[in-house]
């Protein structure tokens, strides 16, 4: 386990990692989760409104049974044993789904620009 402070381009770190651990219990949308997913890095995170929304879209997040440190520890150990990687096909789908163009299109549809 490595703690990595803020870096401007985290893509290489995600590519080298087996999974991302996000221990915030109060997280908005969680861009770091989307970044990790798009690099094929499985996020382990507490269930928050933002992370549940991302999971509802992708089905790829892993949550502990309860929002406790002990449950997170168990999830980390279970995930470490399996070390399943996200498939290239799913990564390409995620990159399309979370691309800037898809966000612009969604906003345009919401505000009826087109």
C-alpha atoms as a PDB file:
ATOM      1  CA  UNK A   1       0.000   0.000   0.000  1.00  0.00           C
ATOM      2  CA  UNK A   2       1.300   3.422  -0.979  1.00  0.00           C
ATOM      3  CA  UNK A   3      -0.117   6.809  -0.087  1.00  0.00           C
ATOM      4  CA  UNK A   4       0.310   9.089  -3.080  1.00  0.00           C
ATOM      5  CA  UNK A   5      -0.213  12.830  -2.617  1.00  0.00           C
ATOM      6  CA  UNK A   6      -1.772  14.981  -5.342  1.00  0.00           C
ATOM      7  CA  UNK A   7      -0.237  14.536  -8.775  1.00  0.00           C
ATOM      8  CA  UNK A   8      -1.343  16.299 -11.925  1.00  0.00           C
ATOM      9  CA  UNK A   9      -1.507  13.233 -14.217  1.00  0.00           C
ATOM     10  CA  UNK A  10      -2.384  10.142 -12.168  1.00  0.00           C
ATOM     11  CA  UNK A  11      -2.929   7.804 -15.149  1.00  0.00           C
ATOM     12  CA  UNK A  12       0.387   5.960 -14.796  1.00  0.00           C
ATOM     13  CA  UNK A  13      -0.249   5.307 -11.103  1.00  0.00           C
ATOM     14  CA  UNK A  14      -3.651   3.781 -11.884  1.00  0.00           C
ATOM     15  CA  UNK A  15      -2.139   1.583 -14.594  1.00  0.00           C
ATOM     16  CA  UNK A  16       0.452   0.247 -12.116  1.00  0.00           C
ATOM     17  CA  UNK A  17      -2.140  -0.377  -9.386  1.00  0.00           C
ATOM     18  CA  UNK A  18      -4.290  -3.415  -8.644  1.00  0.00           C
ATOM     19  CA  UNK A  19      -7.003  -1.291  -7.051  1.00  0.00           C
ATOM     20  CA  UNK A  20      -7.816   2.142  -5.655  1.00  0.00           C
ATOM     21  CA  UNK A  21      -8.898   2.522  -2.033  1.00  0.00           C
ATOM     22  CA  UNK A  22     -11.113   5.546  -1.414  1.00  0.00           C
ATOM     23  CA  UNK A  23     -11.862   5.755   2.309  1.00  0.00           C
ATOM     24  CA  UNK A  24     -13.977   8.906   2.267  1.00  0.00           C
ATOM     25  CA  UNK A  25     -17.406   8.306   3.776  1.00  0.00           C
ATOM     26  CA  UNK A  26     -18.696  11.603   2.383  1.00  0.00           C
ATOM     27  CA  UNK A  27     -17.890  11.776  -1.310  1.00  0.00           C
ATOM     28  CA  UNK A  28     -19.646  13.614  -4.074  1.00  0.00           C
ATOM     29  CA  UNK A  29     -19.400  12.148  -7.544  1.00  0.00           C
ATOM     30  CA  UNK A  30     -15.815  11.013  -6.998  1.00  0.00           C
ATOM     31  CA  UNK A  31     -13.854  11.797 -10.160  1.00  0.00           C
ATOM     32  CA  UNK A  32     -10.945   9.766  -8.795  1.00  0.00           C
ATOM     33  CA  UNK A  33     -13.193   6.678  -8.993  1.00  0.00           C
ATOM     34  CA  UNK A  34     -13.989   7.323 -12.669  1.00  0.00           C
ATOM     35  CA  UNK A  35     -10.304   7.985 -13.424  1.00  0.00           C
ATOM     36  CA  UNK A  36      -9.314   4.676 -11.812  1.00  0.00           C
ATOM     37  CA  UNK A  37     -12.049   2.748 -13.649  1.00  0.00           C
ATOM     38  CA  UNK A  38     -11.020   4.196 -17.011  1.00  0.00           C
ATOM     39  CA  UNK A  39      -7.471   2.963 -16.370  1.00  0.00           C
ATOM     40  CA  UNK A  40      -8.693  -0.526 -15.453  1.00  0.00           C
ATOM     41  CA  UNK A  41      -8.108  -0.105 -11.720  1.00  0.00           C
ATOM     42  CA  UNK A  42     -10.903  -1.498  -9.520  1.00  0.00           C
ATOM     43  CA  UNK A  43     -12.103   1.001  -6.900  1.00  0.00           C
ATOM     44  CA  UNK A  44     -12.779  -0.131  -3.332  1.00  0.00           C
ATOM     45  CA  UNK A  45     -14.878   2.526  -1.674  1.00  0.00           C
ATOM     46  CA  UNK A  46     -17.480   3.139   0.962  1.00  0.00           C
ATOM     47  CA  UNK A  47     -21.039   3.389  -0.318  1.00  0.00           C
ATOM     48  CA  UNK A  48     -21.912   7.076  -0.723  1.00  0.00           C
ATOM     49  CA  UNK A  49     -24.420   8.794  -2.980  1.00  0.00           C
ATOM     50  CA  UNK A  50     -21.697   9.584  -5.516  1.00  0.00           C
ATOM     51  CA  UNK A  51     -20.067   6.162  -5.542  1.00  0.00           C
ATOM     52  CA  UNK A  52     -23.449   4.410  -5.709  1.00  0.00           C
ATOM     53  CA  UNK A  53     -24.317   6.522  -8.773  1.00  0.00           C
ATOM     54  CA  UNK A  54     -21.079   5.443 -10.468  1.00  0.00           C
ATOM     55  CA  UNK A  55     -21.711   1.808  -9.504  1.00  0.00           C
ATOM     56  CA  UNK A  56     -25.254   2.014 -10.887  1.00  0.00           C
ATOM     57  CA  UNK A  57     -23.779   3.100 -14.225  1.00  0.00           C
ATOM     58  CA  UNK A  58     -20.896   0.624 -14.338  1.00  0.00           C
ATOM     59  CA  UNK A  59     -21.514  -2.238 -11.915  1.00  0.00           C
ATOM     60  CA  UNK A  60     -17.772  -2.284 -11.200  1.00  0.00           C
ATOM     61  CA  UNK A  61     -17.261  -0.731  -7.775  1.00  0.00           C
ATOM     62  CA  UNK A  62     -16.630  -2.873  -4.715  1.00  0.00           C
ATOM     63  CA  UNK A  63     -18.200  -1.828  -1.397  1.00  0.00           C
ATOM     64  CA  UNK A  64     -17.549  -3.253   2.080  1.00  0.00           C
ATOM     65  CA  UNK A  65     -20.517  -4.889   3.858  1.00  0.00           C
ATOM     66  CA  UNK A  66     -20.729  -1.961   6.264  1.00  0.00           C
ATOM     67  CA  UNK A  67     -19.175   1.500   6.273  1.00  0.00           C
ATOM     68  CA  UNK A  68     -16.606   0.546   8.922  1.00  0.00           C
ATOM     69  CA  UNK A  69     -12.810   0.295   8.832  1.00  0.00           C
ATOM     70  CA  UNK A  70     -13.045  -3.424   9.676  1.00  0.00           C
ATOM     71  CA  UNK A  71     -15.333  -4.101   6.700  1.00  0.00           C
ATOM     72  CA  UNK A  72     -13.022  -2.117   4.411  1.00  0.00           C
ATOM     73  CA  UNK A  73     -10.076  -4.189   5.652  1.00  0.00           C
ATOM     74  CA  UNK A  74     -11.946  -7.406   4.794  1.00  0.00           C
ATOM     75  CA  UNK A  75     -12.812  -6.079   1.334  1.00  0.00           C
ATOM     76  CA  UNK A  76      -9.161  -5.159   0.707  1.00  0.00           C
ATOM     77  CA  UNK A  77      -8.009  -8.636   1.724  1.00  0.00           C
ATOM     78  CA  UNK A  78     -10.653 -10.366  -0.420  1.00  0.00           C
ATOM     79  CA  UNK A  79      -9.873  -8.189  -3.435  1.00  0.00           C
ATOM     80  CA  UNK A  80      -6.129  -8.693  -3.016  1.00  0.00           C
ATOM     81  CA  UNK A  81      -6.601 -12.467  -3.191  1.00  0.00           C
ATOM     82  CA  UNK A  82      -8.667 -12.282  -6.399  1.00  0.00           C
ATOM     83  CA  UNK A  83      -6.947  -9.369  -8.158  1.00  0.00           C
ATOM     84  CA  UNK A  84      -9.463  -9.339 -10.994  1.00  0.00           C
ATOM     85  CA  UNK A  85      -8.729  -6.801 -13.703  1.00  0.00           C
ATOM     86  CA  UNK A  86     -11.356  -4.894 -15.641  1.00  0.00           C
ATOM     87  CA  UNK A  87     -11.520  -6.120 -19.249  1.00  0.00           C
ATOM     88  CA  UNK A  88     -10.249  -3.954 -22.114  1.00  0.00           C
ATOM     89  CA  UNK A  89     -13.723  -3.978 -23.635  1.00  0.00           C
ATOM     90  CA  UNK A  90     -15.275  -2.613 -20.441  1.00  0.00           C
ATOM     91  CA  UNK A  91     -12.514   0.011 -20.128  1.00  0.00           C
ATOM     92  CA  UNK A  92     -13.270   1.258 -23.660  1.00  0.00           C
ATOM     93  CA  UNK A  93     -16.978   1.429 -22.808  1.00  0.00           C
ATOM     94  CA  UNK A  94     -16.172   3.398 -19.632  1.00  0.00           C
ATOM     95  CA  UNK A  95     -13.940   5.821 -21.503  1.00  0.00           C
ATOM     96  CA  UNK A  96     -16.769   6.500 -23.941  1.00  0.00           C
ATOM     97  CA  UNK A  97     -19.400   6.691 -21.218  1.00  0.00           C
ATOM     98  CA  UNK A  98     -17.410   9.164 -19.118  1.00  0.00           C
ATOM     99  CA  UNK A  99     -15.826  11.149 -21.966  1.00  0.00           C
ATOM    100  CA  UNK A 100     -16.083  14.921 -22.167  1.00  0.00           C
ATOM    101  CA  UNK A 101     -18.206  14.578 -25.308  1.00  0.00           C
ATOM    102  CA  UNK A 102     -20.745  12.367 -23.546  1.00  0.00           C
ATOM    103  CA  UNK A 103     -21.028  14.893 -20.692  1.00  0.00           C
ATOM    104  CA  UNK A 104     -21.494  17.796 -23.094  1.00  0.00           C
ATOM    105  CA  UNK A 105     -24.183  15.861 -24.985  1.00  0.00           C
ATOM    106  CA  UNK A 106     -25.973  15.012 -21.727  1.00  0.00           C
ATOM    107  CA  UNK A 107     -25.956  18.655 -20.599  1.00  0.00           C
ATOM    108  CA  UNK A 108     -27.157  19.829 -24.006  1.00  0.00           C
ATOM    109  CA  UNK A 109     -30.054  17.362 -23.812  1.00  0.00           C
ATOM    110  CA  UNK A 110     -30.955  18.448 -20.281  1.00  0.00           C
ATOM    111  CA  UNK A 111     -31.073  22.139 -21.162  1.00  0.00           C
ATOM    112  CA  UNK A 112     -32.495  21.449 -24.638  1.00  0.00           C
ATOM    113  CA  UNK A 113     -29.677  23.196 -26.518  1.00  0.00           C
ATOM    114  CA  UNK A 114     -30.027  20.941 -29.556  1.00  0.00           C
END
